[in-house]
Amino acid sequence: LDGVITTTGEPAARNRRIGHTATGTTTANRT
């Protein structure tokens, strides 16, 4: 997810927030 968000220009704060709060399955679905 970090890689996807980086390439699409999403803010780093959102990157950290999703990475720490989402389960693996939910995170994968959001990409």
PDB file of all heavy atoms in Angstrom:
ATOM      1  N   LEU A   1       0.829  -1.200   0.000  1.00  0.00           N
ATOM      2  CA  LEU A   1       0.000   0.000   0.000  1.00  0.00           C
ATOM      3  C   LEU A   1       0.862   1.249   0.000  1.00  0.00           C
ATOM      4  O   LEU A   1       0.562   2.228  -0.679  1.00  0.00           O
ATOM      5  CB  LEU A   1      -0.929  -0.003   1.210  1.00  0.00           C
ATOM      6  CG  LEU A   1      -1.860   1.207   1.337  1.00  0.00           C
ATOM      7  CD1 LEU A   1      -2.805   1.249   0.138  1.00  0.00           C
ATOM      8  CD2 LEU A   1      -2.652   1.144   2.622  1.00  0.00           C
ATOM      9  N   ASP A   2       1.961   1.216   0.767  1.00  0.00           N
ATOM     10  CA  ASP A   2       2.873   2.362   0.775  1.00  0.00           C
ATOM     11  C   ASP A   2       3.317   2.689  -0.638  1.00  0.00           C
ATOM     12  O   ASP A   2       3.339   3.844  -1.056  1.00  0.00           O
ATOM     13  CB  ASP A   2       4.107   2.058   1.628  1.00  0.00           C
ATOM     14  CG  ASP A   2       3.778   2.039   3.111  1.00  0.00           C
ATOM     15  OD1 ASP A   2       2.674   2.471   3.467  1.00  0.00           O
ATOM     16  OD2 ASP A   2       4.636   1.594   3.896  1.00  0.00           O
ATOM     17  N   GLY A   3       3.677   1.642  -1.400  1.00  0.00           N
ATOM     18  CA  GLY A   3       4.140   1.869  -2.761  1.00  0.00           C
ATOM     19  C   GLY A   3       3.062   2.443  -3.648  1.00  0.00           C
ATOM     20  O   GLY A   3       3.303   3.351  -4.443  1.00  0.00           O
ATOM     21  N   VAL A   4       1.831   1.937  -3.522  1.00  0.00           N
ATOM     22  CA  VAL A   4       0.735   2.430  -4.349  1.00  0.00           C
ATOM     23  C   VAL A   4       0.435   3.882  -4.030  1.00  0.00           C
ATOM     24  O   VAL A   4       0.265   4.720  -4.911  1.00  0.00           O
ATOM     25  CB  VAL A   4      -0.531   1.561  -4.146  1.00  0.00           C
ATOM     26  CG1 VAL A   4      -1.733   2.201  -4.823  1.00  0.00           C
ATOM     27  CG2 VAL A   4      -0.293   0.169  -4.701  1.00  0.00           C
ATOM     28  N   ILE A   5       0.372   4.204  -2.744  1.00  0.00           N
ATOM     29  CA  ILE A   5       0.034   5.575  -2.356  1.00  0.00           C
ATOM     30  C   ILE A   5       1.133   6.536  -2.773  1.00  0.00           C
ATOM     31  O   ILE A   5       0.872   7.645  -3.219  1.00  0.00           O
ATOM     32  CB  ILE A   5      -0.241   5.648  -0.840  1.00  0.00           C
ATOM     33  CG1 ILE A   5      -1.538   4.911  -0.537  1.00  0.00           C
ATOM     34  CG2 ILE A   5      -0.339   7.078  -0.364  1.00  0.00           C
ATOM     35  CD1 ILE A   5      -1.924   4.899   0.911  1.00  0.00           C
ATOM     36  N   THR A   6       2.377   6.103  -2.660  1.00  0.00           N
ATOM     37  CA  THR A   6       3.483   6.965  -3.082  1.00  0.00           C
ATOM     38  C   THR A   6       3.380   7.296  -4.559  1.00  0.00           C
ATOM     39  O   THR A   6       3.525   8.451  -4.972  1.00  0.00           O
ATOM     40  CB  THR A   6       4.830   6.274  -2.796  1.00  0.00           C
ATOM     41  OG1 THR A   6       4.923   6.047  -1.401  1.00  0.00           O
ATOM     42  CG2 THR A   6       5.983   7.149  -3.256  1.00  0.00           C
ATOM     43  N   THR A   7       3.077   6.305  -5.370  1.00  0.00           N
ATOM     44  CA  THR A   7       3.036   6.548  -6.807  1.00  0.00           C
ATOM     45  C   THR A   7       1.817   7.344  -7.231  1.00  0.00           C
ATOM     46  O   THR A   7       1.808   7.951  -8.287  1.00  0.00           O
ATOM     47  CB  THR A   7       3.044   5.212  -7.582  1.00  0.00           C
ATOM     48  OG1 THR A   7       1.925   4.430  -7.158  1.00  0.00           O
ATOM     49  CG2 THR A   7       4.319   4.443  -7.322  1.00  0.00           C
ATOM     50  N   THR A   8       0.764   7.337  -6.415  1.00  0.00           N
ATOM     51  CA  THR A   8      -0.422   8.107  -6.783  1.00  0.00           C
ATOM     52  C   THR A   8      -0.463   9.467  -6.108  1.00  0.00           C
ATOM     53  O   THR A   8      -1.429  10.204  -6.245  1.00  0.00           O
ATOM     54  CB  THR A   8      -1.705   7.337  -6.404  1.00  0.00           C
ATOM     55  OG1 THR A   8      -1.658   7.014  -5.000  1.00  0.00           O
ATOM     56  CG2 THR A   8      -1.836   6.067  -7.214  1.00  0.00           C
ATOM     57  N   GLY A   9       0.576   9.782  -5.335  1.00  0.00           N
ATOM     58  CA  GLY A   9       0.675  11.119  -4.777  1.00  0.00           C
ATOM     59  C   GLY A   9      -0.149  11.364  -3.540  1.00  0.00           C
ATOM     60  O   GLY A   9      -0.367  12.505  -3.141  1.00  0.00           O
ATOM     61  N   GLU A  10      -0.614  10.306  -2.859  1.00  0.00           N
ATOM     62  CA  GLU A  10      -1.389  10.493  -1.641  1.00  0.00           C
ATOM     63  C   GLU A  10      -0.477  11.016  -0.531  1.00  0.00           C
ATOM     64  O   GLU A  10       0.716  10.701  -0.479  1.00  0.00           O
ATOM     65  CB  GLU A  10      -2.023   9.167  -1.203  1.00  0.00           C
ATOM     66  CG  GLU A  10      -3.112   8.672  -2.143  1.00  0.00           C
ATOM     67  CD  GLU A  10      -4.400   9.443  -1.948  1.00  0.00           C
ATOM     68  OE1 GLU A  10      -4.542  10.128  -0.923  1.00  0.00           O
ATOM     69  OE2 GLU A  10      -5.271   9.349  -2.846  1.00  0.00           O
ATOM     70  N   PRO A  11      -1.000  11.800   0.402  1.00  0.00           N
ATOM     71  CA  PRO A  11      -0.186  12.336   1.496  1.00  0.00           C
ATOM     72  C   PRO A  11       0.391  11.226   2.366  1.00  0.00           C
ATOM     73  O   PRO A  11      -0.238  10.199   2.595  1.00  0.00           O
ATOM     74  CB  PRO A  11      -1.183  13.188   2.295  1.00  0.00           C
ATOM     75  CG  PRO A  11      -2.310  13.465   1.352  1.00  0.00           C
ATOM     76  CD  PRO A  11      -2.380  12.307   0.432  1.00  0.00           C
ATOM     77  N   ALA A  12       1.568  11.481   2.895  1.00  0.00           N
ATOM     78  CA  ALA A  12       2.225  10.488   3.745  1.00  0.00           C
ATOM     79  C   ALA A  12       1.431  10.224   5.009  1.00  0.00           C
ATOM     80  O   ALA A  12       1.424   9.120   5.534  1.00  0.00           O
ATOM     81  CB  ALA A  12       3.634  10.953   4.102  1.00  0.00           C
ATOM     82  N   ALA A  13       0.731  11.262   5.526  1.00  0.00           N
ATOM     83  CA  ALA A  13      -0.050  11.073   6.748  1.00  0.00           C
ATOM     84  C   ALA A  13      -1.133  10.027   6.541  1.00  0.00           C
ATOM     85  O   ALA A  13      -1.373   9.180   7.396  1.00  0.00           O
ATOM     86  CB  ALA A  13      -0.676  12.395   7.179  1.00  0.00           C
ATOM     87  N   ARG A  14      -1.820  10.104   5.393  1.00  0.00           N
ATOM     88  CA  ARG A  14      -2.844   9.095   5.084  1.00  0.00           C
ATOM     89  C   ARG A  14      -2.196   7.725   4.965  1.00  0.00           C
ATOM     90  O   ARG A  14      -2.735   6.727   5.433  1.00  0.00           O
ATOM     91  CB  ARG A  14      -3.569   9.465   3.794  1.00  0.00           C
ATOM     92  CG  ARG A  14      -4.488   8.355   3.277  1.00  0.00           C
ATOM     93  CD  ARG A  14      -5.247   8.809   2.043  1.00  0.00           C
ATOM     94  NE  ARG A  14      -5.800   7.674   1.337  1.00  0.00           N
ATOM     95  CZ  ARG A  14      -6.918   7.037   1.693  1.00  0.00           C
ATOM     96  NH1 ARG A  14      -7.578   7.404   2.760  1.00  0.00           N
ATOM     97  NH2 ARG A  14      -7.363   6.015   0.981  1.00  0.00           N
ATOM     98  N   ASN A  15      -1.009   7.708   4.360  1.00  0.00           N
ATOM     99  CA  ASN A  15      -0.266   6.460   4.222  1.00  0.00           C
ATOM    100  C   ASN A  15      -0.071   5.813   5.589  1.00  0.00           C
ATOM    101  O   ASN A  15      -0.375   4.644   5.798  1.00  0.00           O
ATOM    102  CB  ASN A  15       1.086   6.793   3.573  1.00  0.00           C
ATOM    103  CG  ASN A  15       1.936   5.569   3.313  1.00  0.00           C
ATOM    104  OD1 ASN A  15       1.637   4.505   3.806  1.00  0.00           O
ATOM    105  ND2 ASN A  15       2.995   5.758   2.558  1.00  0.00           N
ATOM    106  N   ARG A  16       0.413   6.583   6.556  1.00  0.00           N
ATOM    107  CA  ARG A  16       0.684   6.032   7.881  1.00  0.00           C
ATOM    108  C   ARG A  16      -0.605   5.617   8.587  1.00  0.00           C
ATOM    109  O   ARG A  16      -0.672   4.599   9.241  1.00  0.00           O
ATOM    110  CB  ARG A  16       1.440   7.060   8.717  1.00  0.00           C
ATOM    111  CG  ARG A  16       2.880   7.289   8.272  1.00  0.00           C
ATOM    112  CD  ARG A  16       3.631   8.047   9.332  1.00  0.00           C
ATOM    113  NE  ARG A  16       3.059   9.378   9.547  1.00  0.00           N
ATOM    114  CZ  ARG A  16       3.411  10.462   8.858  1.00  0.00           C
ATOM    115  NH1 ARG A  16       4.322  10.363   7.907  1.00  0.00           N
ATOM    116  NH2 ARG A  16       2.857  11.640   9.106  1.00  0.00           N
ATOM    117  N   ARG A  17      -1.646   6.432   8.423  1.00  0.00           N
ATOM    118  CA  ARG A  17      -2.893   6.161   9.119  1.00  0.00           C
ATOM    119  C   ARG A  17      -3.493   4.824   8.682  1.00  0.00           C
ATOM    120  O   ARG A  17      -3.863   3.992   9.498  1.00  0.00           O
ATOM    121  CB  ARG A  17      -3.887   7.293   8.866  1.00  0.00           C
ATOM    122  CG  ARG A  17      -5.203   7.113   9.636  1.00  0.00           C
ATOM    123  CD  ARG A  17      -6.085   8.335   9.519  1.00  0.00           C
ATOM    124  NE  ARG A  17      -6.571   8.543   8.163  1.00  0.00           N
ATOM    125  CZ  ARG A  17      -6.142   9.506   7.355  1.00  0.00           C
ATOM    126  NH1 ARG A  17      -5.197  10.337   7.741  1.00  0.00           N
ATOM    127  NH2 ARG A  17      -6.644   9.637   6.139  1.00  0.00           N
ATOM    128  N   ILE A  18      -3.564   4.598   7.379  1.00  0.00           N
ATOM    129  CA  ILE A  18      -4.126   3.339   6.872  1.00  0.00           C
ATOM    130  C   ILE A  18      -3.221   2.169   7.240  1.00  0.00           C
ATOM    131  O   ILE A  18      -3.668   1.119   7.659  1.00  0.00           O
ATOM    132  CB  ILE A  18      -4.324   3.410   5.349  1.00  0.00           C
ATOM    133  CG1 ILE A  18      -5.363   4.473   5.011  1.00  0.00           C
ATOM    134  CG2 ILE A  18      -4.755   2.063   4.806  1.00  0.00           C
ATOM    135  CD1 ILE A  18      -5.556   4.670   3.531  1.00  0.00           C
ATOM    136  N   GLY A  19      -1.935   2.367   7.122  1.00  0.00           N
ATOM    137  CA  GLY A  19      -1.006   1.282   7.417  1.00  0.00           C
ATOM    138  C   GLY A  19      -1.103   0.789   8.844  1.00  0.00           C
ATOM    139  O   GLY A  19      -0.949  -0.387   9.126  1.00  0.00           O
ATOM    140  N   HIS A  20      -1.398   1.707   9.804  1.00  0.00           N
ATOM    141  CA  HIS A  20      -1.427   1.306  11.205  1.00  0.00           C
ATOM    142  C   HIS A  20      -2.790   0.841  11.670  1.00  0.00           C
ATOM    143  O   HIS A  20      -2.886   0.094  12.629  1.00  0.00           O
ATOM    144  CB  HIS A  20      -0.964   2.474  12.091  1.00  0.00           C
ATOM    145  CG  HIS A  20       0.511   2.676  12.074  1.00  0.00           C
ATOM    146  ND1 HIS A  20       1.387   1.798  12.664  1.00  0.00           N
ATOM    147  CD2 HIS A  20       1.271   3.651  11.509  1.00  0.00           C
ATOM    148  CE1 HIS A  20       2.631   2.221  12.502  1.00  0.00           C
ATOM    149  NE2 HIS A  20       2.595   3.338  11.798  1.00  0.00           N
ATOM    150  N   THR A  21      -3.867   1.272  10.998  1.00  0.00           N
ATOM    151  CA  THR A  21      -5.195   0.961  11.525  1.00  0.00           C
ATOM    152  C   THR A  21      -5.919  -0.130  10.771  1.00  0.00           C
ATOM    153  O   THR A  21      -6.797  -0.771  11.321  1.00  0.00           O
ATOM    154  CB  THR A  21      -6.081   2.219  11.512  1.00  0.00           C
ATOM    155  OG1 THR A  21      -6.247   2.649  10.157  1.00  0.00           O
ATOM    156  CG2 THR A  21      -5.451   3.325  12.321  1.00  0.00           C
ATOM    157  N   ALA A  22      -5.579  -0.338   9.528  1.00  0.00           N
ATOM    158  CA  ALA A  22      -6.319  -1.324   8.732  1.00  0.00           C
ATOM    159  C   ALA A  22      -5.729  -2.704   8.910  1.00  0.00           C
ATOM    160  O   ALA A  22      -4.541  -2.864   9.133  1.00  0.00           O
ATOM    161  CB  ALA A  22      -6.295  -0.940   7.253  1.00  0.00           C
ATOM    162  N   THR A  23      -6.576  -3.709   8.794  1.00  0.00           N
ATOM    163  CA  THR A  23      -6.066  -5.073   8.754  1.00  0.00           C
ATOM    164  C   THR A  23      -5.439  -5.305   7.395  1.00  0.00           C
ATOM    165  O   THR A  23      -5.642  -4.532   6.455  1.00  0.00           O
ATOM    166  CB  THR A  23      -7.210  -6.083   8.948  1.00  0.00           C
ATOM    167  OG1 THR A  23      -8.102  -5.965   7.847  1.00  0.00           O
ATOM    168  CG2 THR A  23      -7.944  -5.838  10.239  1.00  0.00           C
ATOM    169  N   GLY A  24      -4.704  -6.399   7.289  1.00  0.00           N
ATOM    170  CA  GLY A  24      -4.075  -6.691   5.998  1.00  0.00           C
ATOM    171  C   GLY A  24      -5.087  -6.794   4.883  1.00  0.00           C
ATOM    172  O   GLY A  24      -4.898  -6.267   3.805  1.00  0.00           O
ATOM    173  N   THR A  25      -6.218  -7.471   5.149  1.00  0.00           N
ATOM    174  CA  THR A  25      -7.213  -7.671   4.105  1.00  0.00           C
ATOM    175  C   THR A  25      -7.834  -6.352   3.684  1.00  0.00           C
ATOM    176  O   THR A  25      -7.956  -6.045   2.502  1.00  0.00           O
ATOM    177  CB  THR A  25      -8.308  -8.635   4.586  1.00  0.00           C
ATOM    178  OG1 THR A  25      -7.711  -9.858   4.969  1.00  0.00           O
ATOM    179  CG2 THR A  25      -9.326  -8.871   3.505  1.00  0.00           C
ATOM    180  N   THR A  26      -8.218  -5.531   4.660  1.00  0.00           N
ATOM    181  CA  THR A  26      -8.841  -4.248   4.335  1.00  0.00           C
ATOM    182  C   THR A  26      -7.879  -3.364   3.565  1.00  0.00           C
ATOM    183  O   THR A  26      -8.229  -2.728   2.579  1.00  0.00           O
ATOM    184  CB  THR A  26      -9.295  -3.539   5.621  1.00  0.00           C
ATOM    185  OG1 THR A  26     -10.151  -4.404   6.339  1.00  0.00           O
ATOM    186  CG2 THR A  26     -10.023  -2.253   5.293  1.00  0.00           C
ATOM    187  N   THR A  27      -6.628  -3.332   4.003  1.00  0.00           N
ATOM    188  CA  THR A  27      -5.634  -2.509   3.324  1.00  0.00           C
ATOM    189  C   THR A  27      -5.488  -2.926   1.875  1.00  0.00           C
ATOM    190  O   THR A  27      -5.466  -2.104   0.974  1.00  0.00           O
ATOM    191  CB  THR A  27      -4.275  -2.644   4.044  1.00  0.00           C
ATOM    192  OG1 THR A  27      -4.434  -2.223   5.386  1.00  0.00           O
ATOM    193  CG2 THR A  27      -3.229  -1.778   3.361  1.00  0.00           C
ATOM    194  N   ALA A  28      -5.419  -4.242   1.647  1.00  0.00           N
ATOM    195  CA  ALA A  28      -5.253  -4.718   0.272  1.00  0.00           C
ATOM    196  C   ALA A  28      -6.441  -4.315  -0.583  1.00  0.00           C
ATOM    197  O   ALA A  28      -6.285  -3.929  -1.734  1.00  0.00           O
ATOM    198  CB  ALA A  28      -5.081  -6.229   0.263  1.00  0.00           C
ATOM    199  N   ASN A  29      -7.648  -4.425  -0.043  1.00  0.00           N
ATOM    200  CA  ASN A  29      -8.829  -4.073  -0.813  1.00  0.00           C
ATOM    201  C   ASN A  29      -8.828  -2.603  -1.207  1.00  0.00           C
ATOM    202  O   ASN A  29      -9.298  -2.235  -2.262  1.00  0.00           O
ATOM    203  CB  ASN A  29     -10.096  -4.386  -0.004  1.00  0.00           C
ATOM    204  CG  ASN A  29     -10.358  -5.880   0.093  1.00  0.00           C
ATOM    205  OD1 ASN A  29      -9.836  -6.632  -0.726  1.00  0.00           O
ATOM    206  ND2 ASN A  29     -11.125  -6.299   1.068  1.00  0.00           N
ATOM    207  N   ARG A  30      -8.306  -1.748  -0.359  1.00  0.00           N
ATOM    208  CA  ARG A  30      -8.334  -0.319  -0.647  1.00  0.00           C
ATOM    209  C   ARG A  30      -7.384   0.078  -1.764  1.00  0.00           C
ATOM    210  O   ARG A  30      -7.441   1.185  -2.260  1.00  0.00           O
ATOM    211  CB  ARG A  30      -7.984   0.471   0.620  1.00  0.00           C
ATOM    212  CG  ARG A  30      -9.079   0.399   1.682  1.00  0.00           C
ATOM    213  CD  ARG A  30      -8.725   1.239   2.874  1.00  0.00           C
ATOM    214  NE  ARG A  30      -9.739   1.111   3.915  1.00  0.00           N
ATOM    215  CZ  ARG A  30      -9.684   1.734   5.078  1.00  0.00           C
ATOM    216  NH1 ARG A  30      -8.670   2.528   5.344  1.00  0.00           N
ATOM    217  NH2 ARG A  30     -10.643   1.565   5.968  1.00  0.00           N
ATOM    218  N   THR A  31      -6.487  -0.812  -2.131  1.00  0.00           N
ATOM    219  CA  THR A  31      -5.550  -0.472  -3.200  1.00  0.00           C
ATOM    220  C   THR A  31      -6.103  -0.789  -4.568  1.00  0.00           C
ATOM    221  O   THR A  31      -5.476  -0.477  -5.562  1.00  0.00           O
ATOM    222  CB  THR A  31      -4.225  -1.242  -3.014  1.00  0.00           C
ATOM    223  OG1 THR A  31      -4.459  -2.633  -3.222  1.00  0.00           O
ATOM    224  CG2 THR A  31      -3.657  -1.011  -1.638  1.00  0.00           C
TER     225      THR A  31
END
